[in-house]
Protein backbone atom coordinates (compact mmCIF):
# COMPACT_ATOMS: atom_id res chain seq x y z
CA MET A 1 115.91 104.84 100.98
CA ALA A 2 118.80 102.79 102.38
CA GLU A 3 119.12 99.36 101.39
CA ASN A 4 118.45 97.79 105.19
CA PRO A 5 116.45 100.93 106.64
CA THR A 6 115.33 100.43 110.24
CA PRO A 7 111.57 100.31 110.94
CA GLN A 8 112.20 103.88 112.54
CA HIS A 9 113.70 105.28 109.34
CA ILE A 10 111.13 103.95 107.10
CA LEU A 11 108.68 105.78 109.18
CA GLU A 12 110.45 108.73 109.24
CA GLN A 13 110.91 108.80 105.55
CA SER A 14 106.99 108.47 105.17
CA GLU A 15 103.99 110.67 105.03
CA GLN A 16 100.62 109.93 106.45
CA LEU A 17 98.15 109.76 103.72
CA CYS A 18 94.91 108.80 105.92
CA THR A 19 94.16 109.44 109.54
CA ALA A 20 92.63 106.87 111.81
CA GLN A 21 89.35 108.94 111.90
CA GLU A 22 89.35 109.33 108.06
CA LEU A 23 89.34 105.57 108.01
CA ALA A 24 86.59 105.01 110.26
CA GLY A 25 84.39 107.05 108.31
CA ILE A 26 85.35 105.60 105.20
CA ILE A 27 84.67 102.14 106.55
CA GLY A 28 81.29 103.17 108.03
CA LYS A 29 80.11 104.44 104.71
CA MET A 30 81.54 101.24 102.92
CA ALA A 31 79.56 99.25 105.44
CA GLN A 32 76.15 101.18 104.77
CA ASP A 33 76.95 100.52 100.99
CA ILE A 34 77.52 96.91 101.24
CA ALA A 35 74.49 96.16 103.52
CA LYS A 36 72.48 98.06 100.85
CA THR A 37 73.62 95.51 98.35
CA LEU A 38 73.97 92.31 100.24
CA SER A 39 72.10 92.49 103.53
CA ASP A 40 69.62 89.97 102.31
CA GLN A 41 71.99 87.66 100.63
CA CYS A 42 73.68 85.94 103.49
CA PRO A 43 77.16 86.18 101.88
CA VAL A 44 80.18 84.32 102.39
CA VAL A 45 82.71 86.86 103.40
CA LEU A 46 86.32 86.25 102.79
CA CYS A 47 89.25 88.29 104.16
CA VAL A 48 92.33 88.31 102.17
CA MET A 49 95.34 87.77 104.71
CA ASN A 50 97.39 89.10 105.78
CA GLY A 51 96.80 92.74 104.69
CA ALA A 52 92.81 92.98 104.94
CA VAL A 53 92.75 91.74 108.32
CA ILE A 54 92.56 95.36 110.21
CA PHE A 55 90.16 96.44 107.50
CA THR A 56 88.09 93.41 108.06
CA GLY A 57 88.30 93.78 111.79
CA HIS A 58 86.89 97.38 111.55
CA LEU A 59 84.18 96.42 108.76
CA LEU A 60 82.52 93.17 110.07
CA PRO A 61 81.01 94.55 113.20
CA GLN A 62 79.32 97.20 111.21
CA LEU A 63 77.69 94.75 108.82
CA ASN A 64 74.44 94.13 110.66
CA PHE A 65 73.12 91.24 108.58
CA PRO A 66 73.87 87.42 108.82
CA LEU A 67 77.01 86.32 106.84
CA HIS A 68 79.37 83.30 106.94
CA PHE A 69 82.97 84.28 107.34
CA SER A 70 86.42 82.66 106.26
CA TYR A 71 89.72 83.84 104.73
CA VAL A 72 91.86 83.26 101.78
CA HIS A 73 95.66 83.63 101.81
CA GLY A 74 97.46 84.37 98.59
CA THR A 75 100.64 86.43 98.26
CA ARG A 76 102.44 87.92 95.75
CA TYR A 77 104.79 90.08 97.52
CA HIS A 78 106.48 87.82 100.03
CA GLU A 79 107.49 90.78 102.13
CA THR A 80 109.27 92.80 99.24
CA THR A 81 107.60 95.83 97.69
CA GLN A 82 107.37 94.27 94.05
CA GLY A 83 104.62 91.73 93.28
CA GLY A 84 105.65 88.41 91.63
CA GLU A 85 103.98 84.93 91.19
CA LEU A 86 100.75 84.12 93.06
CA ASP A 87 101.43 81.61 95.68
CA TRP A 88 98.27 80.28 97.52
CA LYS A 89 98.76 79.39 101.18
CA VAL A 90 95.00 79.03 101.59
CA ALA A 91 92.59 78.86 98.47
CA PRO A 92 88.99 80.06 98.41
CA PRO A 93 86.87 77.18 99.96
CA ASP A 94 85.54 74.31 97.56
CA ASP A 95 81.92 74.60 98.75
CA LEU A 96 80.45 77.82 97.31
CA LYS A 97 77.88 76.46 94.90
CA ASP A 98 75.01 78.94 94.54
CA ARG A 99 76.57 81.05 97.18
CA VAL A 100 77.17 84.97 96.99
CA VAL A 101 80.92 85.90 97.83
CA LEU A 102 82.14 89.15 99.18
CA VAL A 103 86.11 89.21 99.14
CA LEU A 104 87.56 92.12 101.37
CA ASP A 105 90.90 93.18 100.49
CA ASP A 106 93.50 95.97 101.68
CA VAL A 107 94.35 97.37 98.21
CA LEU A 108 93.45 97.07 94.66
CA ASP A 109 96.70 98.04 92.83
CA GLU A 110 97.43 95.94 89.52
CA GLY A 111 94.39 93.60 90.57
CA TRP A 112 96.08 90.38 89.75
CA THR A 113 95.48 88.68 93.20
CA LEU A 114 91.88 89.86 93.24
CA ALA A 115 91.33 88.44 89.69
CA ALA A 116 92.58 85.12 90.74
CA ILE A 117 90.68 84.93 93.62
CA ARG A 118 87.54 85.78 91.80
CA GLU A 119 88.33 83.36 89.13
CA ARG A 120 88.71 80.51 91.85
CA VAL A 121 85.44 81.42 93.55
CA MET A 122 83.41 81.42 90.44
CA LYS A 123 85.01 77.89 89.59
CA ASN A 124 84.09 76.75 93.04
CA GLY A 125 80.34 77.43 92.32
CA ALA A 126 79.50 80.86 93.44
CA ARG A 127 76.56 82.41 92.31
CA ALA A 128 77.78 85.77 92.56
CA PHE A 129 81.09 87.41 93.42
CA TYR A 130 81.70 91.20 94.95
CA SER A 131 84.67 92.73 96.14
CA ALA A 132 85.38 95.57 98.91
CA VAL A 133 88.98 97.03 98.98
CA LEU A 134 89.79 99.64 101.22
CA VAL A 135 92.42 101.45 99.00
CA ASP A 136 91.85 101.44 95.22
CA LYS A 137 95.09 102.80 93.62
CA VAL A 138 95.16 104.83 90.40
CA ILE A 139 97.78 103.20 88.20
CA ALA A 140 98.65 104.02 84.55
CA ARG A 141 97.72 100.23 83.34
CA ASP A 142 94.05 98.84 82.95
CA LYS A 143 93.12 96.63 85.73
CA PRO A 144 91.62 92.99 85.04
CA LEU A 145 88.63 94.10 87.68
CA GLN A 146 87.15 96.82 89.55
CA ALA A 147 86.22 96.65 92.82
CA ASP A 148 82.55 96.86 93.80
CA PHE A 149 82.91 98.74 96.90
CA ALA A 150 86.04 100.94 97.37
CA GLY A 151 87.04 103.10 100.35
CA ILE A 152 89.45 105.58 99.28
CA THR A 153 91.38 106.40 96.02
CA LEU A 154 95.29 107.06 96.25
CA PRO A 155 97.95 107.39 93.97
CA ASP A 156 100.34 104.87 92.73
CA ARG A 157 102.79 104.86 95.68
CA TYR A 158 103.74 102.30 98.12
CA ILE A 159 101.27 102.39 101.03
CA PHE A 160 101.86 100.61 104.40
CA GLY A 161 99.83 100.74 107.82
CA PHE A 162 96.37 99.81 108.79
CA GLY A 163 97.11 96.22 107.66
CA MET A 164 99.38 96.57 104.97
CA ASP A 165 103.18 96.17 105.68
CA ILE A 166 106.45 97.44 104.20
CA HIS A 167 109.28 94.82 104.61
CA GLY A 168 106.91 92.62 106.75
CA MET A 169 106.47 95.66 109.36
CA TRP A 170 104.14 98.35 110.29
CA ARG A 171 100.82 96.57 109.75
CA ASN A 172 99.95 97.64 113.30
CA LEU A 173 99.87 101.17 112.40
CA PRO A 174 96.16 102.97 112.78
CA THR A 175 96.69 105.13 109.72
CA ILE A 176 97.95 104.56 106.31
CA TYR A 177 101.38 106.00 105.22
CA ALA A 178 103.16 106.17 101.89
CA LEU A 179 107.08 106.41 101.04
CA LYS A 180 108.21 109.72 100.02
CA GLN A 181 108.81 110.01 96.35
C-alpha cells in the first residue's frame, strides 16, 4: 500500500468481510446470549471508545433489561496500524464495588487492552467482569483472556469499518473490511 494512501485508495485496496445484514444478525444473537447471562444482574456496561461505539449503538437497544452505561477510553494504536503502550484517556470508573461489569469492545486481537481494562475494573471492586467483542481475531499467540461473548471470528488481518479505523478513517462504514494481503 502507498505510504500516504488516499481514503478511497484504501477502500479500493481492501475487501469486504462482513455485510451490514450479517452484522445485524451477529449482534442480535449476541444480545440474546448476553441477556441469558446478565438480564438479572443490572450490569454496568462500558463501551471501549472509539472503536466499539457503533457496535455498542447497535447492541444496547437490544438489551431489554436494566443496566447502567458509561465508557472507557484507552488506546494503543494512536491512528497507526501497530499497537503500542496503553494510554488511558478515560479509565474505568472508581465506583464499581460489588457491581457486575460488561465491557463492549470492537475487536479482540492480542487482548492487552481488554486485559488492562479487566485488571482495572476488578481493582476498582467489581464483583464480576464480562466482555463482549464484535470480532475475535485468530492470532498465532496466546491471548491474556478470552471474550465471554464474541460475535464473529476473523483471520489476523487489519480490519476496519463499523467503528474500527484505518489511519483514523473509515469508522463510519456500515460493514467490515480488511486490507488485501
